Amino acid sequence: LALALLSLIVVALDPAFQDADTGTEWLLP
Protein backbone atom coordinates (compact mmCIF):
# COMPACT_ATOMS: atom_id res chain seq x y z
CA LEU A 1 0.00 0.00 0.00
CA ALA A 2 2.84 2.40 0.85
CA LEU A 3 4.54 1.57 -2.45
CA ALA A 4 1.31 2.33 -4.30
CA LEU A 5 0.92 5.67 -2.51
CA LEU A 6 4.52 6.67 -3.17
CA SER A 7 4.13 5.64 -6.83
CA LEU A 8 1.14 7.96 -7.11
CA ILE A 9 3.22 10.80 -5.67
CA VAL A 10 5.95 10.03 -8.22
CA VAL A 11 3.43 10.15 -11.07
CA ALA A 12 2.05 13.45 -9.76
CA LEU A 13 5.41 15.19 -9.29
CA ASP A 14 7.83 13.70 -11.82
CA PRO A 15 7.82 15.43 -15.25
CA ALA A 16 8.77 12.10 -16.82
CA PHE A 17 5.25 10.79 -16.12
CA GLN A 18 3.20 13.85 -17.02
CA ASP A 19 2.65 12.54 -20.53
CA ALA A 20 -0.48 10.36 -20.69
CA ASP A 21 1.19 7.64 -22.73
CA THR A 22 4.16 7.40 -20.39
CA GLY A 23 1.96 7.54 -17.30
CA THR A 24 0.23 4.31 -18.23
CA GLU A 25 3.47 2.40 -17.72
CA TRP A 26 3.29 1.12 -14.15
CA LEU A 27 6.87 -0.20 -13.89
CA LEU A 28 8.73 3.13 -14.03
CA PRO A 29 6.79 4.88 -11.23
mmCIF file of all heavy atoms, coordinates in Angstrom:
data_MODEL
# 
_entry.id   MODEL 
# 
loop_
_atom_site.group_PDB 
_atom_site.id 
_atom_site.type_symbol 
_atom_site.label_atom_id 
_atom_site.label_alt_id 
_atom_site.label_comp_id 
_atom_site.label_asym_id 
_atom_site.label_entity_id 
_atom_site.label_seq_id 
_atom_site.pdbx_PDB_ins_code 
_atom_site.Cartn_x 
_atom_site.Cartn_y 
_atom_site.Cartn_z 
_atom_site.occupancy 
_atom_site.B_iso_or_equiv 
_atom_site.pdbx_formal_charge 
_atom_site.auth_seq_id 
_atom_site.auth_comp_id 
_atom_site.auth_asym_id 
_atom_site.auth_atom_id 
_atom_site.pdbx_PDB_model_num 
ATOM 1   N N   . LEU A 1 1  ? 0.832  -1.201 0.000   1.00 0.00 ? 1  LEU A N   1 
ATOM 2   C CA  . LEU A 1 1  ? 0.000  0.000  0.000   1.00 0.00 ? 1  LEU A CA  1 
ATOM 3   C C   . LEU A 1 1  ? 0.872  1.258  0.000   1.00 0.00 ? 1  LEU A C   1 
ATOM 4   O O   . LEU A 1 1  ? 0.595  2.212  -0.740  1.00 0.00 ? 1  LEU A O   1 
ATOM 5   C CB  . LEU A 1 1  ? -0.922 -0.008 1.217   1.00 0.00 ? 1  LEU A CB  1 
ATOM 6   C CG  . LEU A 1 1  ? -1.830 1.229  1.385   1.00 0.00 ? 1  LEU A CG  1 
ATOM 7   C CD1 . LEU A 1 1  ? -2.746 1.386  0.164   1.00 0.00 ? 1  LEU A CD1 1 
ATOM 8   C CD2 . LEU A 1 1  ? -2.642 1.128  2.670   1.00 0.00 ? 1  LEU A CD2 1 
ATOM 9   N N   . ALA A 1 2  ? 1.933  1.251  0.823   1.00 0.00 ? 2  ALA A N   1 
ATOM 10  C CA  . ALA A 1 2  ? 2.843  2.398  0.853   1.00 0.00 ? 2  ALA A CA  1 
ATOM 11  C C   . ALA A 1 2  ? 3.523  2.587  -0.496  1.00 0.00 ? 2  ALA A C   1 
ATOM 12  O O   . ALA A 1 2  ? 3.695  3.714  -0.972  1.00 0.00 ? 2  ALA A O   1 
ATOM 13  C CB  . ALA A 1 2  ? 3.881  2.206  1.953   1.00 0.00 ? 2  ALA A CB  1 
ATOM 14  N N   . LEU A 1 3  ? 3.913  1.483  -1.131  1.00 0.00 ? 3  LEU A N   1 
ATOM 15  C CA  . LEU A 1 3  ? 4.541  1.572  -2.446  1.00 0.00 ? 3  LEU A CA  1 
ATOM 16  C C   . LEU A 1 3  ? 3.587  2.171  -3.466  1.00 0.00 ? 3  LEU A C   1 
ATOM 17  O O   . LEU A 1 3  ? 3.978  2.994  -4.306  1.00 0.00 ? 3  LEU A O   1 
ATOM 18  C CB  . LEU A 1 3  ? 4.990  0.179  -2.894  1.00 0.00 ? 3  LEU A CB  1 
ATOM 19  C CG  . LEU A 1 3  ? 5.703  0.093  -4.248  1.00 0.00 ? 3  LEU A CG  1 
ATOM 20  C CD1 . LEU A 1 3  ? 6.989  0.910  -4.237  1.00 0.00 ? 3  LEU A CD1 1 
ATOM 21  C CD2 . LEU A 1 3  ? 6.010  -1.362 -4.606  1.00 0.00 ? 3  LEU A CD2 1 
ATOM 22  N N   . ALA A 1 4  ? 2.310  1.770  -3.382  1.00 0.00 ? 4  ALA A N   1 
ATOM 23  C CA  . ALA A 1 4  ? 1.311  2.325  -4.303  1.00 0.00 ? 4  ALA A CA  1 
ATOM 24  C C   . ALA A 1 4  ? 1.133  3.826  -4.080  1.00 0.00 ? 4  ALA A C   1 
ATOM 25  O O   . ALA A 1 4  ? 1.058  4.613  -5.040  1.00 0.00 ? 4  ALA A O   1 
ATOM 26  C CB  . ALA A 1 4  ? -0.015 1.586  -4.123  1.00 0.00 ? 4  ALA A CB  1 
ATOM 27  N N   . LEU A 1 5  ? 1.092  4.251  -2.806  1.00 0.00 ? 5  LEU A N   1 
ATOM 28  C CA  . LEU A 1 5  ? 0.918  5.674  -2.508  1.00 0.00 ? 5  LEU A CA  1 
ATOM 29  C C   . LEU A 1 5  ? 2.126  6.481  -2.985  1.00 0.00 ? 5  LEU A C   1 
ATOM 30  O O   . LEU A 1 5  ? 1.975  7.556  -3.583  1.00 0.00 ? 5  LEU A O   1 
ATOM 31  C CB  . LEU A 1 5  ? 0.710  5.874  -1.011  1.00 0.00 ? 5  LEU A CB  1 
ATOM 32  C CG  . LEU A 1 5  ? -0.615 5.350  -0.439  1.00 0.00 ? 5  LEU A CG  1 
ATOM 33  C CD1 . LEU A 1 5  ? -0.619 5.465  1.081   1.00 0.00 ? 5  LEU A CD1 1 
ATOM 34  C CD2 . LEU A 1 5  ? -1.783 6.130  -1.039  1.00 0.00 ? 5  LEU A CD2 1 
ATOM 35  N N   . LEU A 1 6  ? 3.324  5.969  -2.726  1.00 0.00 ? 6  LEU A N   1 
ATOM 36  C CA  . LEU A 1 6  ? 4.525  6.666  -3.166  1.00 0.00 ? 6  LEU A CA  1 
ATOM 37  C C   . LEU A 1 6  ? 4.609  6.708  -4.693  1.00 0.00 ? 6  LEU A C   1 
ATOM 38  O O   . LEU A 1 6  ? 5.068  7.699  -5.272  1.00 0.00 ? 6  LEU A O   1 
ATOM 39  C CB  . LEU A 1 6  ? 5.765  5.984  -2.595  1.00 0.00 ? 6  LEU A CB  1 
ATOM 40  C CG  . LEU A 1 6  ? 5.954  6.104  -1.070  1.00 0.00 ? 6  LEU A CG  1 
ATOM 41  C CD1 . LEU A 1 6  ? 7.103  5.214  -0.607  1.00 0.00 ? 6  LEU A CD1 1 
ATOM 42  C CD2 . LEU A 1 6  ? 6.209  7.553  -0.675  1.00 0.00 ? 6  LEU A CD2 1 
ATOM 43  N N   . SER A 1 7  ? 4.148  5.650  -5.359  1.00 0.00 ? 7  SER A N   1 
ATOM 44  C CA  . SER A 1 7  ? 4.135  5.641  -6.830  1.00 0.00 ? 7  SER A CA  1 
ATOM 45  C C   . SER A 1 7  ? 3.193  6.709  -7.370  1.00 0.00 ? 7  SER A C   1 
ATOM 46  O O   . SER A 1 7  ? 3.488  7.370  -8.377  1.00 0.00 ? 7  SER A O   1 
ATOM 47  C CB  . SER A 1 7  ? 3.720  4.262  -7.341  1.00 0.00 ? 7  SER A CB  1 
ATOM 48  O OG  . SER A 1 7  ? 4.637  3.270  -6.927  1.00 0.00 ? 7  SER A OG  1 
ATOM 49  N N   . LEU A 1 8  ? 2.063  6.910  -6.693  1.00 0.00 ? 8  LEU A N   1 
ATOM 50  C CA  . LEU A 1 8  ? 1.139  7.963  -7.106  1.00 0.00 ? 8  LEU A CA  1 
ATOM 51  C C   . LEU A 1 8  ? 1.772  9.344  -6.946  1.00 0.00 ? 8  LEU A C   1 
ATOM 52  O O   . LEU A 1 8  ? 1.574  10.230 -7.788  1.00 0.00 ? 8  LEU A O   1 
ATOM 53  C CB  . LEU A 1 8  ? -0.154 7.869  -6.291  1.00 0.00 ? 8  LEU A CB  1 
ATOM 54  C CG  . LEU A 1 8  ? -1.045 6.659  -6.582  1.00 0.00 ? 8  LEU A CG  1 
ATOM 55  C CD1 . LEU A 1 8  ? -2.231 6.632  -5.625  1.00 0.00 ? 8  LEU A CD1 1 
ATOM 56  C CD2 . LEU A 1 8  ? -1.538 6.677  -8.030  1.00 0.00 ? 8  LEU A CD2 1 
ATOM 57  N N   . ILE A 1 9  ? 2.529  9.519  -5.862  1.00 0.00 ? 9  ILE A N   1 
ATOM 58  C CA  . ILE A 1 9  ? 3.221  10.801 -5.665  1.00 0.00 ? 9  ILE A CA  1 
ATOM 59  C C   . ILE A 1 9  ? 4.246  11.014 -6.779  1.00 0.00 ? 9  ILE A C   1 
ATOM 60  O O   . ILE A 1 9  ? 4.392  12.118 -7.312  1.00 0.00 ? 9  ILE A O   1 
ATOM 61  C CB  . ILE A 1 9  ? 3.895  10.838 -4.286  1.00 0.00 ? 9  ILE A CB  1 
ATOM 62  C CG1 . ILE A 1 9  ? 2.833  10.803 -3.182  1.00 0.00 ? 9  ILE A CG1 1 
ATOM 63  C CG2 . ILE A 1 9  ? 4.761  12.078 -4.139  1.00 0.00 ? 9  ILE A CG2 1 
ATOM 64  C CD1 . ILE A 1 9  ? 3.415  10.703 -1.787  1.00 0.00 ? 9  ILE A CD1 1 
ATOM 65  N N   . VAL A 1 10 ? 4.965  9.939  -7.134  1.00 0.00 ? 10 VAL A N   1 
ATOM 66  C CA  . VAL A 1 10 ? 5.946  10.031 -8.215  1.00 0.00 ? 10 VAL A CA  1 
ATOM 67  C C   . VAL A 1 10 ? 5.271  10.441 -9.520  1.00 0.00 ? 10 VAL A C   1 
ATOM 68  O O   . VAL A 1 10 ? 5.740  11.333 -10.234 1.00 0.00 ? 10 VAL A O   1 
ATOM 69  C CB  . VAL A 1 10 ? 6.681  8.683  -8.383  1.00 0.00 ? 10 VAL A CB  1 
ATOM 70  C CG1 . VAL A 1 10 ? 7.457  8.657  -9.691  1.00 0.00 ? 10 VAL A CG1 1 
ATOM 71  C CG2 . VAL A 1 10 ? 7.615  8.441  -7.212  1.00 0.00 ? 10 VAL A CG2 1 
ATOM 72  N N   . VAL A 1 11 ? 4.154  9.818  -9.835  1.00 0.00 ? 11 VAL A N   1 
ATOM 73  C CA  . VAL A 1 11 ? 3.435  10.146 -11.071 1.00 0.00 ? 11 VAL A CA  1 
ATOM 74  C C   . VAL A 1 11 ? 2.972  11.595 -11.050 1.00 0.00 ? 11 VAL A C   1 
ATOM 75  O O   . VAL A 1 11 ? 2.995  12.296 -12.072 1.00 0.00 ? 11 VAL A O   1 
ATOM 76  C CB  . VAL A 1 11 ? 2.245  9.187  -11.264 1.00 0.00 ? 11 VAL A CB  1 
ATOM 77  C CG1 . VAL A 1 11 ? 1.360  9.651  -12.413 1.00 0.00 ? 11 VAL A CG1 1 
ATOM 78  C CG2 . VAL A 1 11 ? 2.738  7.774  -11.512 1.00 0.00 ? 11 VAL A CG2 1 
ATOM 79  N N   . ALA A 1 12 ? 2.564  12.084 -9.863  1.00 0.00 ? 12 ALA A N   1 
ATOM 80  C CA  . ALA A 1 12 ? 2.054  13.450 -9.764  1.00 0.00 ? 12 ALA A CA  1 
ATOM 81  C C   . ALA A 1 12 ? 3.165  14.496 -9.870  1.00 0.00 ? 12 ALA A C   1 
ATOM 82  O O   . ALA A 1 12 ? 2.935  15.593 -10.405 1.00 0.00 ? 12 ALA A O   1 
ATOM 83  C CB  . ALA A 1 12 ? 1.302  13.620 -8.442  1.00 0.00 ? 12 ALA A CB  1 
ATOM 84  N N   . LEU A 1 13 ? 4.367  14.178 -9.378  1.00 0.00 ? 13 LEU A N   1 
ATOM 85  C CA  . LEU A 1 13 ? 5.415  15.187 -9.290  1.00 0.00 ? 13 LEU A CA  1 
ATOM 86  C C   . LEU A 1 13 ? 6.487  15.078 -10.369 1.00 0.00 ? 13 LEU A C   1 
ATOM 87  O O   . LEU A 1 13 ? 7.132  16.072 -10.685 1.00 0.00 ? 13 LEU A O   1 
ATOM 88  C CB  . LEU A 1 13 ? 6.095  15.115 -7.915  1.00 0.00 ? 13 LEU A CB  1 
ATOM 89  C CG  . LEU A 1 13 ? 5.229  15.411 -6.693  1.00 0.00 ? 13 LEU A CG  1 
ATOM 90  C CD1 . LEU A 1 13 ? 6.057  15.296 -5.418  1.00 0.00 ? 13 LEU A CD1 1 
ATOM 91  C CD2 . LEU A 1 13 ? 4.607  16.797 -6.795  1.00 0.00 ? 13 LEU A CD2 1 
ATOM 92  N N   . ASP A 1 14 ? 6.711  13.907 -10.904 1.00 0.00 ? 14 ASP A N   1 
ATOM 93  C CA  . ASP A 1 14 ? 7.829  13.699 -11.825 1.00 0.00 ? 14 ASP A CA  1 
ATOM 94  C C   . ASP A 1 14 ? 7.434  14.082 -13.242 1.00 0.00 ? 14 ASP A C   1 
ATOM 95  O O   . ASP A 1 14 ? 6.489  13.524 -13.804 1.00 0.00 ? 14 ASP A O   1 
ATOM 96  C CB  . ASP A 1 14 ? 8.277  12.234 -11.795 1.00 0.00 ? 14 ASP A CB  1 
ATOM 97  C CG  . ASP A 1 14 ? 9.685  12.052 -12.327 1.00 0.00 ? 14 ASP A CG  1 
ATOM 98  O OD1 . ASP A 1 14 ? 10.011 12.687 -13.346 1.00 0.00 ? 14 ASP A OD1 1 
ATOM 99  O OD2 . ASP A 1 14 ? 10.454 11.291 -11.717 1.00 0.00 ? 14 ASP A OD2 1 
ATOM 100 N N   . PRO A 1 15 ? 8.152  15.037 -13.865 1.00 0.00 ? 15 PRO A N   1 
ATOM 101 C CA  . PRO A 1 15 ? 7.822  15.429 -15.248 1.00 0.00 ? 15 PRO A CA  1 
ATOM 102 C C   . PRO A 1 15 ? 7.903  14.266 -16.232 1.00 0.00 ? 15 PRO A C   1 
ATOM 103 O O   . PRO A 1 15 ? 7.248  14.301 -17.283 1.00 0.00 ? 15 PRO A O   1 
ATOM 104 C CB  . PRO A 1 15 ? 8.883  16.488 -15.568 1.00 0.00 ? 15 PRO A CB  1 
ATOM 105 C CG  . PRO A 1 15 ? 9.338  17.008 -14.250 1.00 0.00 ? 15 PRO A CG  1 
ATOM 106 C CD  . PRO A 1 15 ? 9.249  15.854 -13.316 1.00 0.00 ? 15 PRO A CD  1 
ATOM 107 N N   . ALA A 1 16 ? 8.647  13.232 -15.907 1.00 0.00 ? 16 ALA A N   1 
ATOM 108 C CA  . ALA A 1 16 ? 8.770  12.096 -16.823 1.00 0.00 ? 16 ALA A CA  1 
ATOM 109 C C   . ALA A 1 16 ? 7.446  11.376 -17.014 1.00 0.00 ? 16 ALA A C   1 
ATOM 110 O O   . ALA A 1 16 ? 7.256  10.679 -18.011 1.00 0.00 ? 16 ALA A O   1 
ATOM 111 C CB  . ALA A 1 16 ? 9.828  11.119 -16.303 1.00 0.00 ? 16 ALA A CB  1 
ATOM 112 N N   . PHE A 1 17 ? 6.515  11.531 -16.063 1.00 0.00 ? 17 PHE A N   1 
ATOM 113 C CA  . PHE A 1 17 ? 5.252  10.790 -16.122 1.00 0.00 ? 17 PHE A CA  1 
ATOM 114 C C   . PHE A 1 17 ? 4.053  11.706 -16.326 1.00 0.00 ? 17 PHE A C   1 
ATOM 115 O O   . PHE A 1 17 ? 2.917  11.318 -16.069 1.00 0.00 ? 17 PHE A O   1 
ATOM 116 C CB  . PHE A 1 17 ? 5.081  9.972  -14.836 1.00 0.00 ? 17 PHE A CB  1 
ATOM 117 C CG  . PHE A 1 17 ? 6.268  9.116  -14.523 1.00 0.00 ? 17 PHE A CG  1 
ATOM 118 C CD1 . PHE A 1 17 ? 7.012  9.338  -13.382 1.00 0.00 ? 17 PHE A CD1 1 
ATOM 119 C CD2 . PHE A 1 17 ? 6.676  8.129  -15.403 1.00 0.00 ? 17 PHE A CD2 1 
ATOM 120 C CE1 . PHE A 1 17 ? 8.134  8.570  -13.098 1.00 0.00 ? 17 PHE A CE1 1 
ATOM 121 C CE2 . PHE A 1 17 ? 7.789  7.353  -15.134 1.00 0.00 ? 17 PHE A CE2 1 
ATOM 122 C CZ  . PHE A 1 17 ? 8.520  7.573  -13.982 1.00 0.00 ? 17 PHE A CZ  1 
ATOM 123 N N   . GLN A 1 18 ? 4.318  12.940 -16.775 1.00 0.00 ? 18 GLN A N   1 
ATOM 124 C CA  . GLN A 1 18 ? 3.203  13.851 -17.024 1.00 0.00 ? 18 GLN A CA  1 
ATOM 125 C C   . GLN A 1 18 ? 2.503  13.545 -18.345 1.00 0.00 ? 18 GLN A C   1 
ATOM 126 O O   . GLN A 1 18 ? 1.338  13.858 -18.512 1.00 0.00 ? 18 GLN A O   1 
ATOM 127 C CB  . GLN A 1 18 ? 3.699  15.305 -17.031 1.00 0.00 ? 18 GLN A CB  1 
ATOM 128 C CG  . GLN A 1 18 ? 4.361  15.720 -15.727 1.00 0.00 ? 18 GLN A CG  1 
ATOM 129 C CD  . GLN A 1 18 ? 3.486  15.468 -14.521 1.00 0.00 ? 18 GLN A CD  1 
ATOM 130 O OE1 . GLN A 1 18 ? 2.340  15.882 -14.486 1.00 0.00 ? 18 GLN A OE1 1 
ATOM 131 N NE2 . GLN A 1 18 ? 4.020  14.770 -13.521 1.00 0.00 ? 18 GLN A NE2 1 
ATOM 132 N N   . ASP A 1 19 ? 3.251  12.931 -19.257 1.00 0.00 ? 19 ASP A N   1 
ATOM 133 C CA  . ASP A 1 19 ? 2.652  12.545 -20.535 1.00 0.00 ? 19 ASP A CA  1 
ATOM 134 C C   . ASP A 1 19 ? 1.707  11.363 -20.314 1.00 0.00 ? 19 ASP A C   1 
ATOM 135 O O   . ASP A 1 19 ? 2.026  10.408 -19.613 1.00 0.00 ? 19 ASP A O   1 
ATOM 136 C CB  . ASP A 1 19 ? 3.742  12.160 -21.536 1.00 0.00 ? 19 ASP A CB  1 
ATOM 137 C CG  . ASP A 1 19 ? 3.158  11.742 -22.875 1.00 0.00 ? 19 ASP A CG  1 
ATOM 138 O OD1 . ASP A 1 19 ? 2.541  12.591 -23.526 1.00 0.00 ? 19 ASP A OD1 1 
ATOM 139 O OD2 . ASP A 1 19 ? 3.328  10.575 -23.235 1.00 0.00 ? 19 ASP A OD2 1 
ATOM 140 N N   . ALA A 1 20 ? 0.537  11.399 -20.919 1.00 0.00 ? 20 ALA A N   1 
ATOM 141 C CA  . ALA A 1 20 ? -0.485 10.357 -20.686 1.00 0.00 ? 20 ALA A CA  1 
ATOM 142 C C   . ALA A 1 20 ? 0.014  8.984  -21.117 1.00 0.00 ? 20 ALA A C   1 
ATOM 143 O O   . ALA A 1 20 ? -0.206 7.989  -20.440 1.00 0.00 ? 20 ALA A O   1 
ATOM 144 C CB  . ALA A 1 20 ? -1.768 10.707 -21.437 1.00 0.00 ? 20 ALA A CB  1 
ATOM 145 N N   . ASP A 1 21 ? 0.729  8.933  -22.253 1.00 0.00 ? 21 ASP A N   1 
ATOM 146 C CA  . ASP A 1 21 ? 1.195  7.638  -22.731 1.00 0.00 ? 21 ASP A CA  1 
ATOM 147 C C   . ASP A 1 21 ? 2.221  7.029  -21.784 1.00 0.00 ? 21 ASP A C   1 
ATOM 148 O O   . ASP A 1 21 ? 2.213  5.846  -21.492 1.00 0.00 ? 21 ASP A O   1 
ATOM 149 C CB  . ASP A 1 21 ? 1.796  7.784  -24.129 1.00 0.00 ? 21 ASP A CB  1 
ATOM 150 C CG  . ASP A 1 21 ? 0.744  8.194  -25.150 1.00 0.00 ? 21 ASP A CG  1 
ATOM 151 O OD1 . ASP A 1 21 ? -0.435 7.883  -24.916 1.00 0.00 ? 21 ASP A OD1 1 
ATOM 152 O OD2 . ASP A 1 21 ? 1.109  8.831  -26.151 1.00 0.00 ? 21 ASP A OD2 1 
ATOM 153 N N   . THR A 1 22 ? 3.140  7.887  -21.302 1.00 0.00 ? 22 THR A N   1 
ATOM 154 C CA  . THR A 1 22 ? 4.161  7.396  -20.388 1.00 0.00 ? 22 THR A CA  1 
ATOM 155 C C   . THR A 1 22 ? 3.554  7.022  -19.045 1.00 0.00 ? 22 THR A C   1 
ATOM 156 O O   . THR A 1 22 ? 3.958  6.064  -18.397 1.00 0.00 ? 22 THR A O   1 
ATOM 157 C CB  . THR A 1 22 ? 5.255  8.464  -20.189 1.00 0.00 ? 22 THR A CB  1 
ATOM 158 O OG1 . THR A 1 22 ? 5.759  8.837  -21.465 1.00 0.00 ? 22 THR A OG1 1 
ATOM 159 C CG2 . THR A 1 22 ? 6.389  7.944  -19.335 1.00 0.00 ? 22 THR A CG2 1 
ATOM 160 N N   . GLY A 1 23 ? 2.555  7.778  -18.605 1.00 0.00 ? 23 GLY A N   1 
ATOM 161 C CA  . GLY A 1 23 ? 1.960  7.538  -17.300 1.00 0.00 ? 23 GLY A CA  1 
ATOM 162 C C   . GLY A 1 23 ? 1.266  6.209  -17.181 1.00 0.00 ? 23 GLY A C   1 
ATOM 163 O O   . GLY A 1 23 ? 1.030  5.715  -16.079 1.00 0.00 ? 23 GLY A O   1 
ATOM 164 N N   . THR A 1 24 ? 0.909  5.606  -18.295 1.00 0.00 ? 24 THR A N   1 
ATOM 165 C CA  . THR A 1 24 ? 0.227  4.312  -18.229 1.00 0.00 ? 24 THR A CA  1 
ATOM 166 C C   . THR A 1 24 ? 1.192  3.175  -17.925 1.00 0.00 ? 24 THR A C   1 
ATOM 167 O O   . THR A 1 24 ? 0.774  2.067  -17.629 1.00 0.00 ? 24 THR A O   1 
ATOM 168 C CB  . THR A 1 24 ? -0.484 4.032  -19.570 1.00 0.00 ? 24 THR A CB  1 
ATOM 169 O OG1 . THR A 1 24 ? 0.494  4.058  -20.621 1.00 0.00 ? 24 THR A OG1 1 
ATOM 170 C CG2 . THR A 1 24 ? -1.550 5.075  -19.846 1.00 0.00 ? 24 THR A CG2 1 
ATOM 171 N N   . GLU A 1 25 ? 2.492  3.417  -18.036 1.00 0.00 ? 25 GLU A N   1 
ATOM 172 C CA  . GLU A 1 25 ? 3.472  2.396  -17.718 1.00 0.00 ? 25 GLU A CA  1 
ATOM 173 C C   . GLU A 1 25 ? 3.620  2.328  -16.201 1.00 0.00 ? 25 GLU A C   1 
ATOM 174 O O   . GLU A 1 25 ? 4.086  3.273  -15.576 1.00 0.00 ? 25 GLU A O   1 
ATOM 175 C CB  . GLU A 1 25 ? 4.814  2.731  -18.377 1.00 0.00 ? 25 GLU A CB  1 
ATOM 176 C CG  . GLU A 1 25 ? 4.773  2.762  -19.893 1.00 0.00 ? 25 GLU A CG  1 
ATOM 177 C CD  . GLU A 1 25 ? 4.658  1.363  -20.495 1.00 0.00 ? 25 GLU A CD  1 
ATOM 178 O OE1 . GLU A 1 25 ? 4.827  0.382  -19.747 1.00 0.00 ? 25 GLU A OE1 1 
ATOM 179 O OE2 . GLU A 1 25 ? 4.413  1.265  -21.703 1.00 0.00 ? 25 GLU A OE2 1 
ATOM 180 N N   . TRP A 1 26 ? 3.272  1.226  -15.603 1.00 0.00 ? 26 TRP A N   1 
ATOM 181 C CA  . TRP A 1 26 ? 3.288  1.120  -14.150 1.00 0.00 ? 26 TRP A CA  1 
ATOM 182 C C   . TRP A 1 26 ? 4.679  0.827  -13.598 1.00 0.00 ? 26 TRP A C   1 
ATOM 183 O O   . TRP A 1 26 ? 4.973  1.168  -12.446 1.00 0.00 ? 26 TRP A O   1 
ATOM 184 C CB  . TRP A 1 26 ? 2.344  0.015  -13.687 1.00 0.00 ? 26 TRP A CB  1 
ATOM 185 C CG  . TRP A 1 26 ? 2.745  -1.368 -14.175 1.00 0.00 ? 26 TRP A CG  1 
ATOM 186 C CD1 . TRP A 1 26 ? 2.387  -1.968 -15.330 1.00 0.00 ? 26 TRP A CD1 1 
ATOM 187 C CD2 . TRP A 1 26 ? 3.617  -2.273 -13.496 1.00 0.00 ? 26 TRP A CD2 1 
ATOM 188 N NE1 . TRP A 1 26 ? 2.983  -3.197 -15.449 1.00 0.00 ? 26 TRP A NE1 1 
ATOM 189 C CE2 . TRP A 1 26 ? 3.737  -3.419 -14.328 1.00 0.00 ? 26 TRP A CE2 1 
ATOM 190 C CE3 . TRP A 1 26 ? 4.311  -2.248 -12.293 1.00 0.00 ? 26 TRP A CE3 1 
ATOM 191 C CZ2 . TRP A 1 26 ? 4.523  -4.507 -13.976 1.00 0.00 ? 26 TRP A CZ2 1 
ATOM 192 C CZ3 . TRP A 1 26 ? 5.084  -3.340 -11.933 1.00 0.00 ? 26 TRP A CZ3 1 
ATOM 193 C CH2 . TRP A 1 26 ? 5.182  -4.464 -12.774 1.00 0.00 ? 26 TRP A CH2 1 
ATOM 194 N N   . LEU A 1 27 ? 5.574  0.235  -14.404 1.00 0.00 ? 27 LEU A N   1 
ATOM 195 C CA  . LEU A 1 27 ? 6.869  -0.196 -13.887 1.00 0.00 ? 27 LEU A CA  1 
ATOM 196 C C   . LEU A 1 27 ? 7.745  0.984  -13.479 1.00 0.00 ? 27 LEU A C   1 
ATOM 197 O O   . LEU A 1 27 ? 8.358  0.974  -12.409 1.00 0.00 ? 27 LEU A O   1 
ATOM 198 C CB  . LEU A 1 27 ? 7.599  -1.038 -14.942 1.00 0.00 ? 27 LEU A CB  1 
ATOM 199 C CG  . LEU A 1 27 ? 9.023  -1.486 -14.571 1.00 0.00 ? 27 LEU A CG  1 
ATOM 200 C CD1 . LEU A 1 27 ? 8.988  -2.372 -13.332 1.00 0.00 ? 27 LEU A CD1 1 
ATOM 201 C CD2 . LEU A 1 27 ? 9.682  -2.206 -15.732 1.00 0.00 ? 27 LEU A CD2 1 
ATOM 202 N N   . LEU A 1 28 ? 7.816  2.024  -14.322 1.00 0.00 ? 28 LEU A N   1 
ATOM 203 C CA  . LEU A 1 28 ? 8.727  3.128  -14.034 1.00 0.00 ? 28 LEU A CA  1 
ATOM 204 C C   . LEU A 1 28 ? 8.369  3.878  -12.758 1.00 0.00 ? 28 LEU A C   1 
ATOM 205 O O   . LEU A 1 28 ? 9.248  4.157  -11.934 1.00 0.00 ? 28 LEU A O   1 
ATOM 206 C CB  . LEU A 1 28 ? 8.788  4.077  -15.231 1.00 0.00 ? 28 LEU A CB  1 
ATOM 207 C CG  . LEU A 1 28 ? 9.452  3.515  -16.495 1.00 0.00 ? 28 LEU A CG  1 
ATOM 208 C CD1 . LEU A 1 28 ? 9.487  4.560  -17.589 1.00 0.00 ? 28 LEU A CD1 1 
ATOM 209 C CD2 . LEU A 1 28 ? 10.851 3.020  -16.193 1.00 0.00 ? 28 LEU A CD2 1 
ATOM 210 N N   . PRO A 1 29 ? 7.105  4.244  -12.517 1.00 0.00 ? 29 PRO A N   1 
ATOM 211 C CA  . PRO A 1 29 ? 6.790  4.875  -11.230 1.00 0.00 ? 29 PRO A CA  1 
ATOM 212 C C   . PRO A 1 29 ? 7.125  3.995  -10.036 1.00 0.00 ? 29 PRO A C   1 
ATOM 213 O O   . PRO A 1 29 ? 7.594  4.482  -9.007  1.00 0.00 ? 29 PRO A O   1 
ATOM 214 C CB  . PRO A 1 29 ? 5.283  5.147  -11.338 1.00 0.00 ? 29 PRO A CB  1 
ATOM 215 C CG  . PRO A 1 29 ? 5.007  5.212  -12.794 1.00 0.00 ? 29 PRO A CG  1 
ATOM 216 C CD  . PRO A 1 29 ? 5.938  4.239  -13.419 1.00 0.00 ? 29 PRO A CD  1 
# 
